[in-house]
Amino acid sequence: MAETIKVLAVDDDQDFLDAFAERMQIHGLSVTKATSGIEALSKAEEQTFDAVILDMAMPQMDGIDTLKRLRKINPDLQVILLTGHATIDKSVEAIKLGAIDFLEKPAEIDAVMDRIKAAKFARMLLVEKKTEERIKKIISDKGW
């Protein structure tokens, strides 16, 4: 049986967040919700996620600041930014900071699902590579 994809959805608009999370859950994803960047950081410290869907425009801590802090907590996090007000400058900045994609609201669920599946695959490759490096180091240290 395939492992459930775990997603952290972050948006300050509770109604949008609830509807968006429900759509992802219908597609078989396990969704954790956060209504602020600060709440997202707390949840990212508590558990791991295959992907983070992060709203760009939020009060107190916007998507860019949240992205920076999320990547400090876990550099392997696969973050997809979602916004109703996309600009090329913000998109470029987000990608440079480690976001894997940038989608405009309202994003088609198929496009979101494709990005999430790609994020899970990318995360899996990163984890495999780190595990392989750790095993090589153990073998080298043991002299086997």
N, C-alpha and C. Protein backbone atom coordinates (compact mmCIF):
# COMPACT_ATOMS: atom_id res chain seq x y z
N MET A 1 0.84 -1.19 0.00
CA MET A 1 0.00 0.00 0.00
C MET A 1 0.88 1.24 0.00
N ALA A 2 0.53 2.22 -0.81
CA ALA A 2 1.32 3.44 -0.92
C ALA A 2 1.17 4.30 0.33
N GLU A 3 2.26 4.93 0.69
CA GLU A 3 2.25 5.82 1.85
C GLU A 3 1.48 7.09 1.51
N THR A 4 0.70 7.59 2.46
CA THR A 4 -0.07 8.81 2.26
C THR A 4 0.87 10.00 2.18
N ILE A 5 0.61 10.88 1.24
CA ILE A 5 1.40 12.10 1.10
C ILE A 5 0.93 13.10 2.15
N LYS A 6 1.90 13.61 2.93
CA LYS A 6 1.61 14.56 4.00
C LYS A 6 1.91 15.99 3.54
N VAL A 7 0.88 16.85 3.62
CA VAL A 7 0.99 18.23 3.15
C VAL A 7 0.66 19.19 4.29
N LEU A 8 1.44 20.25 4.38
CA LEU A 8 1.12 21.36 5.27
C LEU A 8 0.58 22.48 4.40
N ALA A 9 -0.67 22.87 4.60
CA ALA A 9 -1.30 23.96 3.84
C ALA A 9 -1.36 25.19 4.73
N VAL A 10 -0.83 26.31 4.23
CA VAL A 10 -0.74 27.53 5.03
C VAL A 10 -1.40 28.69 4.29
N ASP A 11 -2.44 29.25 4.89
CA ASP A 11 -3.14 30.41 4.31
C ASP A 11 -3.88 31.12 5.42
N ASP A 12 -3.82 32.44 5.43
CA ASP A 12 -4.48 33.20 6.49
C ASP A 12 -6.00 33.31 6.28
N ASP A 13 -6.50 32.98 5.09
CA ASP A 13 -7.93 33.00 4.81
C ASP A 13 -8.51 31.63 5.19
N GLN A 14 -9.15 31.57 6.34
CA GLN A 14 -9.63 30.29 6.89
C GLN A 14 -10.60 29.59 5.94
N ASP A 15 -11.51 30.34 5.31
CA ASP A 15 -12.47 29.73 4.40
C ASP A 15 -11.76 29.08 3.22
N PHE A 16 -10.81 29.81 2.62
CA PHE A 16 -10.06 29.26 1.49
C PHE A 16 -9.26 28.04 1.95
N LEU A 17 -8.60 28.16 3.09
CA LEU A 17 -7.77 27.07 3.61
C LEU A 17 -8.60 25.80 3.82
N ASP A 18 -9.77 25.94 4.43
CA ASP A 18 -10.62 24.78 4.68
C ASP A 18 -11.06 24.12 3.38
N ALA A 19 -11.49 24.93 2.41
CA ALA A 19 -11.95 24.39 1.12
C ALA A 19 -10.80 23.74 0.36
N PHE A 20 -9.64 24.39 0.38
CA PHE A 20 -8.46 23.89 -0.32
C PHE A 20 -7.99 22.57 0.30
N ALA A 21 -7.96 22.53 1.62
CA ALA A 21 -7.55 21.30 2.33
C ALA A 21 -8.53 20.17 2.04
N GLU A 22 -9.80 20.48 2.02
CA GLU A 22 -10.81 19.46 1.73
C GLU A 22 -10.60 18.87 0.33
N ARG A 23 -10.31 19.73 -0.64
CA ARG A 23 -10.06 19.25 -2.00
C ARG A 23 -8.86 18.31 -2.03
N MET A 24 -7.80 18.66 -1.30
CA MET A 24 -6.62 17.79 -1.29
C MET A 24 -6.91 16.48 -0.56
N GLN A 25 -7.71 16.54 0.50
CA GLN A 25 -8.06 15.32 1.24
C GLN A 25 -8.90 14.38 0.38
N ILE A 26 -9.78 14.94 -0.44
CA ILE A 26 -10.58 14.12 -1.36
C ILE A 26 -9.67 13.33 -2.29
N HIS A 27 -8.51 13.92 -2.62
CA HIS A 27 -7.54 13.26 -3.49
C HIS A 27 -6.59 12.34 -2.72
N GLY A 28 -6.89 12.09 -1.44
CA GLY A 28 -6.15 11.11 -0.67
C GLY A 28 -4.95 11.63 0.10
N LEU A 29 -4.80 12.95 0.18
CA LEU A 29 -3.66 13.50 0.92
C LEU A 29 -4.01 13.68 2.39
N SER A 30 -2.98 13.60 3.22
CA SER A 30 -3.12 13.92 4.64
C SER A 30 -2.72 15.39 4.78
N VAL A 31 -3.67 16.24 5.18
CA VAL A 31 -3.44 17.68 5.20
C VAL A 31 -3.47 18.22 6.62
N THR A 32 -2.42 18.95 6.97
CA THR A 32 -2.36 19.70 8.21
C THR A 32 -2.49 21.16 7.82
N LYS A 33 -3.31 21.91 8.56
CA LYS A 33 -3.56 23.32 8.21
C LYS A 33 -2.90 24.26 9.21
N ALA A 34 -2.48 25.41 8.68
CA ALA A 34 -1.94 26.49 9.51
C ALA A 34 -2.46 27.81 8.93
N THR A 35 -2.85 28.73 9.80
CA THR A 35 -3.41 30.00 9.34
C THR A 35 -2.42 31.16 9.41
N SER A 36 -1.16 30.85 9.73
CA SER A 36 -0.14 31.90 9.78
C SER A 36 1.24 31.27 9.58
N GLY A 37 2.19 32.12 9.25
CA GLY A 37 3.55 31.65 9.13
C GLY A 37 4.08 31.10 10.44
N ILE A 38 3.75 31.76 11.53
CA ILE A 38 4.21 31.33 12.85
C ILE A 38 3.66 29.94 13.18
N GLU A 39 2.39 29.72 12.90
CA GLU A 39 1.79 28.41 13.15
C GLU A 39 2.44 27.35 12.24
N ALA A 40 2.73 27.72 11.00
CA ALA A 40 3.39 26.80 10.07
C ALA A 40 4.76 26.38 10.58
N LEU A 41 5.52 27.33 11.11
CA LEU A 41 6.84 27.02 11.66
C LEU A 41 6.73 26.03 12.81
N SER A 42 5.77 26.26 13.67
CA SER A 42 5.56 25.38 14.82
C SER A 42 5.23 23.96 14.35
N LYS A 43 4.36 23.84 13.38
CA LYS A 43 3.97 22.52 12.87
C LYS A 43 5.15 21.84 12.15
N ALA A 44 5.97 22.63 11.45
CA ALA A 44 7.13 22.07 10.74
C ALA A 44 8.19 21.58 11.73
N GLU A 45 8.23 22.15 12.93
CA GLU A 45 9.16 21.67 13.95
C GLU A 45 8.66 20.38 14.59
N GLU A 46 7.34 20.19 14.61
CA GLU A 46 6.73 19.03 15.26
C GLU A 46 6.72 17.78 14.39
N GLN A 47 6.61 17.96 13.06
CA GLN A 47 6.50 16.80 12.18
C GLN A 47 7.07 17.09 10.80
N THR A 48 7.20 16.04 10.00
CA THR A 48 7.73 16.21 8.65
C THR A 48 6.59 16.18 7.64
N PHE A 49 6.81 16.86 6.54
CA PHE A 49 5.82 16.94 5.47
C PHE A 49 6.50 16.66 4.14
N ASP A 50 5.74 16.07 3.23
CA ASP A 50 6.24 15.82 1.89
C ASP A 50 6.22 17.11 1.07
N ALA A 51 5.28 17.99 1.39
CA ALA A 51 5.17 19.27 0.68
C ALA A 51 4.50 20.29 1.57
N VAL A 52 4.84 21.55 1.33
CA VAL A 52 4.20 22.67 2.01
C VAL A 52 3.61 23.56 0.92
N ILE A 53 2.30 23.84 1.04
CA ILE A 53 1.64 24.78 0.14
C ILE A 53 1.48 26.05 0.95
N LEU A 54 2.17 27.10 0.54
CA LEU A 54 2.32 28.30 1.35
C LEU A 54 1.78 29.53 0.64
N ASP A 55 0.83 30.22 1.28
CA ASP A 55 0.29 31.47 0.73
C ASP A 55 1.36 32.54 0.80
N MET A 56 1.42 33.34 -0.23
CA MET A 56 2.43 34.39 -0.31
C MET A 56 2.09 35.61 0.55
N ALA A 57 0.82 36.03 0.50
CA ALA A 57 0.42 37.28 1.17
C ALA A 57 -0.32 36.96 2.47
N MET A 58 0.41 37.11 3.58
CA MET A 58 -0.19 36.90 4.90
C MET A 58 0.27 38.03 5.81
N PRO A 59 -0.58 38.40 6.78
CA PRO A 59 -0.16 39.44 7.73
C PRO A 59 0.92 38.91 8.66
N GLN A 60 1.63 39.80 9.31
CA GLN A 60 2.68 39.51 10.28
C GLN A 60 3.92 38.89 9.64
N MET A 61 3.78 37.71 9.02
CA MET A 61 4.91 37.06 8.39
C MET A 61 4.45 36.58 7.01
N ASP A 62 4.98 37.20 5.96
CA ASP A 62 4.53 36.82 4.62
C ASP A 62 5.16 35.49 4.18
N GLY A 63 4.78 35.05 2.99
CA GLY A 63 5.25 33.77 2.49
C GLY A 63 6.76 33.69 2.32
N ILE A 64 7.38 34.78 1.90
CA ILE A 64 8.84 34.79 1.70
C ILE A 64 9.55 34.60 3.05
N ASP A 65 9.14 35.36 4.06
CA ASP A 65 9.75 35.20 5.39
C ASP A 65 9.50 33.81 5.97
N THR A 66 8.29 33.32 5.78
CA THR A 66 7.96 31.97 6.26
C THR A 66 8.81 30.94 5.53
N LEU A 67 8.96 31.09 4.23
CA LEU A 67 9.79 30.18 3.44
C LEU A 67 11.22 30.15 3.97
N LYS A 68 11.79 31.32 4.21
CA LYS A 68 13.17 31.40 4.73
C LYS A 68 13.29 30.62 6.04
N ARG A 69 12.34 30.82 6.93
CA ARG A 69 12.40 30.17 8.25
C ARG A 69 12.11 28.67 8.17
N LEU A 70 11.19 28.29 7.28
CA LEU A 70 10.92 26.87 7.09
C LEU A 70 12.16 26.14 6.60
N ARG A 71 12.88 26.75 5.68
CA ARG A 71 14.08 26.13 5.11
C ARG A 71 15.19 26.02 6.16
N LYS A 72 15.20 26.92 7.18
CA LYS A 72 16.16 26.79 8.27
C LYS A 72 15.80 25.60 9.16
N ILE A 73 14.51 25.39 9.38
CA ILE A 73 14.05 24.26 10.18
C ILE A 73 14.38 22.96 9.47
N ASN A 74 14.10 22.92 8.18
CA ASN A 74 14.33 21.71 7.39
C ASN A 74 14.67 22.09 5.95
N PRO A 75 15.95 22.08 5.60
CA PRO A 75 16.37 22.48 4.25
C PRO A 75 15.80 21.58 3.14
N ASP A 76 15.32 20.39 3.51
CA ASP A 76 14.76 19.48 2.51
C ASP A 76 13.28 19.73 2.23
N LEU A 77 12.66 20.65 2.96
CA LEU A 77 11.24 20.91 2.74
C LEU A 77 10.98 21.33 1.30
N GLN A 78 9.94 20.76 0.75
CA GLN A 78 9.53 21.06 -0.62
C GLN A 78 8.37 22.05 -0.53
N VAL A 79 8.65 23.33 -0.80
CA VAL A 79 7.66 24.39 -0.61
C VAL A 79 7.15 24.89 -1.96
N ILE A 80 5.82 24.93 -2.06
CA ILE A 80 5.14 25.46 -3.24
C ILE A 80 4.39 26.70 -2.79
N LEU A 81 4.72 27.84 -3.38
CA LEU A 81 4.04 29.07 -3.00
C LEU A 81 2.77 29.24 -3.83
N LEU A 82 1.75 29.77 -3.18
CA LEU A 82 0.45 29.98 -3.80
C LEU A 82 0.05 31.42 -3.54
N THR A 83 -0.36 32.14 -4.58
CA THR A 83 -0.71 33.53 -4.38
C THR A 83 -1.79 34.00 -5.34
N GLY A 84 -2.51 34.99 -4.89
CA GLY A 84 -3.49 35.65 -5.75
C GLY A 84 -2.90 36.88 -6.41
N HIS A 85 -1.67 37.23 -6.02
CA HIS A 85 -1.03 38.45 -6.52
C HIS A 85 0.40 38.15 -6.95
N ALA A 86 0.55 37.36 -7.99
CA ALA A 86 1.89 36.96 -8.43
C ALA A 86 2.62 38.10 -9.12
N THR A 87 3.90 38.23 -8.79
CA THR A 87 4.77 39.13 -9.52
C THR A 87 6.01 38.34 -9.90
N ILE A 88 6.63 38.73 -10.98
CA ILE A 88 7.83 38.02 -11.43
C ILE A 88 8.93 38.15 -10.39
N ASP A 89 9.10 39.34 -9.80
CA ASP A 89 10.14 39.54 -8.79
C ASP A 89 9.96 38.60 -7.60
N LYS A 90 8.74 38.50 -7.10
CA LYS A 90 8.47 37.62 -5.95
C LYS A 90 8.67 36.16 -6.33
N SER A 91 8.28 35.79 -7.53
CA SER A 91 8.45 34.41 -8.00
C SER A 91 9.93 34.05 -8.05
N VAL A 92 10.73 34.94 -8.62
CA VAL A 92 12.17 34.70 -8.74
C VAL A 92 12.80 34.63 -7.35
N GLU A 93 12.42 35.53 -6.46
CA GLU A 93 12.95 35.53 -5.10
C GLU A 93 12.61 34.22 -4.39
N ALA A 94 11.37 33.77 -4.54
CA ALA A 94 10.93 32.54 -3.88
C ALA A 94 11.72 31.34 -4.38
N ILE A 95 11.94 31.26 -5.68
CA ILE A 95 12.69 30.13 -6.24
C ILE A 95 14.14 30.17 -5.76
N LYS A 96 14.72 31.36 -5.73
CA LYS A 96 16.10 31.50 -5.23
C LYS A 96 16.22 31.06 -3.78
N LEU A 97 15.16 31.25 -3.01
CA LEU A 97 15.16 30.88 -1.59
C LEU A 97 14.83 29.41 -1.37
N GLY A 98 14.55 28.70 -2.45
CA GLY A 98 14.34 27.26 -2.31
C GLY A 98 12.94 26.76 -2.57
N ALA A 99 12.00 27.64 -2.91
CA ALA A 99 10.67 27.15 -3.28
C ALA A 99 10.81 26.33 -4.56
N ILE A 100 10.04 25.27 -4.67
CA ILE A 100 10.15 24.44 -5.86
C ILE A 100 9.18 24.87 -6.95
N ASP A 101 8.17 25.66 -6.57
CA ASP A 101 7.21 26.11 -7.57
C ASP A 101 6.41 27.28 -7.03
N PHE A 102 5.67 27.91 -7.94
CA PHE A 102 4.91 29.10 -7.63
C PHE A 102 3.62 29.02 -8.44
N LEU A 103 2.48 28.93 -7.76
CA LEU A 103 1.19 28.82 -8.44
C LEU A 103 0.30 30.01 -8.11
N GLU A 104 -0.54 30.38 -9.07
CA GLU A 104 -1.49 31.47 -8.84
C GLU A 104 -2.83 30.91 -8.41
N LYS A 105 -3.47 31.61 -7.46
CA LYS A 105 -4.83 31.27 -7.04
C LYS A 105 -5.79 31.73 -8.13
N PRO A 106 -6.85 31.07 -8.37
CA PRO A 106 -7.18 29.75 -7.87
C PRO A 106 -6.49 28.70 -8.72
N ALA A 107 -5.64 27.92 -8.12
CA ALA A 107 -4.89 26.89 -8.85
C ALA A 107 -5.80 25.69 -9.12
N GLU A 108 -5.67 25.14 -10.30
CA GLU A 108 -6.41 23.92 -10.63
C GLU A 108 -5.90 22.79 -9.75
N ILE A 109 -6.81 21.99 -9.21
CA ILE A 109 -6.42 20.92 -8.30
C ILE A 109 -5.48 19.93 -8.98
N ASP A 110 -5.67 19.67 -10.26
CA ASP A 110 -4.77 18.75 -10.96
C ASP A 110 -3.34 19.28 -10.98
N ALA A 111 -3.21 20.58 -11.20
CA ALA A 111 -1.87 21.20 -11.21
C ALA A 111 -1.25 21.12 -9.82
N VAL A 112 -2.05 21.38 -8.80
CA VAL A 112 -1.56 21.30 -7.41
C VAL A 112 -1.13 19.86 -7.10
N MET A 113 -1.95 18.91 -7.47
CA MET A 113 -1.63 17.50 -7.20
C MET A 113 -0.35 17.08 -7.92
N ASP A 114 -0.18 17.52 -9.17
CA ASP A 114 1.05 17.21 -9.90
C ASP A 114 2.26 17.77 -9.18
N ARG A 115 2.17 19.01 -8.70
CA ARG A 115 3.29 19.64 -8.01
C ARG A 115 3.59 18.92 -6.70
N ILE A 116 2.55 18.53 -5.99
CA ILE A 116 2.73 17.84 -4.71
C ILE A 116 3.39 16.48 -4.93
N LYS A 117 2.95 15.75 -5.93
CA LYS A 117 3.56 14.44 -6.22
C LYS A 117 5.03 14.61 -6.61
N ALA A 118 5.32 15.65 -7.39
CA ALA A 118 6.72 15.92 -7.76
C ALA A 118 7.53 16.29 -6.52
N ALA A 119 6.93 17.04 -5.60
CA ALA A 119 7.60 17.43 -4.35
C ALA A 119 7.91 16.20 -3.51
N LYS A 120 6.97 15.30 -3.39
CA LYS A 120 7.20 14.07 -2.61
C LYS A 120 8.35 13.27 -3.22
N PHE A 121 8.36 13.14 -4.54
CA PHE A 121 9.43 12.40 -5.22
C PHE A 121 10.79 13.06 -4.97
N ALA A 122 10.84 14.39 -5.09
CA ALA A 122 12.09 15.12 -4.87
C ALA A 122 12.56 14.94 -3.43
N ARG A 123 11.64 15.01 -2.48
CA ARG A 123 12.00 14.82 -1.07
C ARG A 123 12.53 13.41 -0.84
N MET A 124 11.88 12.43 -1.45
CA MET A 124 12.31 11.05 -1.31
C MET A 124 13.73 10.87 -1.83
N LEU A 125 14.05 11.48 -2.96
CA LEU A 125 15.40 11.39 -3.52
C LEU A 125 16.43 12.03 -2.58
N LEU A 126 16.08 13.18 -1.99
CA LEU A 126 16.99 13.84 -1.05
C LEU A 126 17.25 12.96 0.17
N VAL A 127 16.20 12.37 0.72
CA VAL A 127 16.34 11.51 1.89
C VAL A 127 17.16 10.28 1.55
N GLU A 128 16.91 9.67 0.40
CA GLU A 128 17.69 8.51 -0.03
C GLU A 128 19.17 8.84 -0.16
N LYS A 129 19.46 10.00 -0.76
CA LYS A 129 20.85 10.41 -0.96
C LYS A 129 21.55 10.62 0.39
N LYS A 130 20.87 11.29 1.32
CA LYS A 130 21.47 11.52 2.64
C LYS A 130 21.68 10.20 3.38
N THR A 131 20.73 9.28 3.26
CA THR A 131 20.86 7.99 3.92
C THR A 131 22.04 7.21 3.33
N GLU A 132 22.15 7.23 2.02
CA GLU A 132 23.25 6.54 1.36
C GLU A 132 24.60 7.12 1.80
N GLU A 133 24.69 8.44 1.89
CA GLU A 133 25.93 9.09 2.34
C GLU A 133 26.25 8.70 3.78
N ARG A 134 25.21 8.61 4.61
CA ARG A 134 25.41 8.22 6.01
C ARG A 134 25.92 6.78 6.11
N ILE A 135 25.35 5.89 5.31
CA ILE A 135 25.79 4.49 5.30
C ILE A 135 27.24 4.39 4.83
N LYS A 136 27.60 5.13 3.78
CA LYS A 136 28.98 5.12 3.29
C LYS A 136 29.95 5.60 4.36
N LYS A 137 29.54 6.63 5.10
CA LYS A 137 30.40 7.16 6.16
C LYS A 137 30.56 6.12 7.27
N ILE A 138 29.48 5.45 7.66
CA ILE A 138 29.55 4.42 8.70
C ILE A 138 30.49 3.32 8.26
N ILE A 139 30.34 2.85 7.02
CA ILE A 139 31.19 1.78 6.51
C ILE A 139 32.65 2.22 6.47
N SER A 140 32.88 3.44 6.05
CA SER A 140 34.23 3.98 5.98
C SER A 140 34.84 4.09 7.39
N ASP A 141 34.04 4.61 8.33
CA ASP A 141 34.51 4.77 9.72
C ASP A 141 34.83 3.42 10.37
N LYS A 142 34.05 2.39 10.03
CA LYS A 142 34.22 1.07 10.60
C LYS A 142 35.36 0.30 9.93
N GLY A 143 35.74 0.80 8.73
CA GLY A 143 36.82 0.13 8.01
C GLY A 143 36.40 -1.15 7.33
N TRP A 144 35.14 -1.29 7.01
CA TRP A 144 34.63 -2.50 6.35
C TRP A 144 34.95 -2.49 4.88
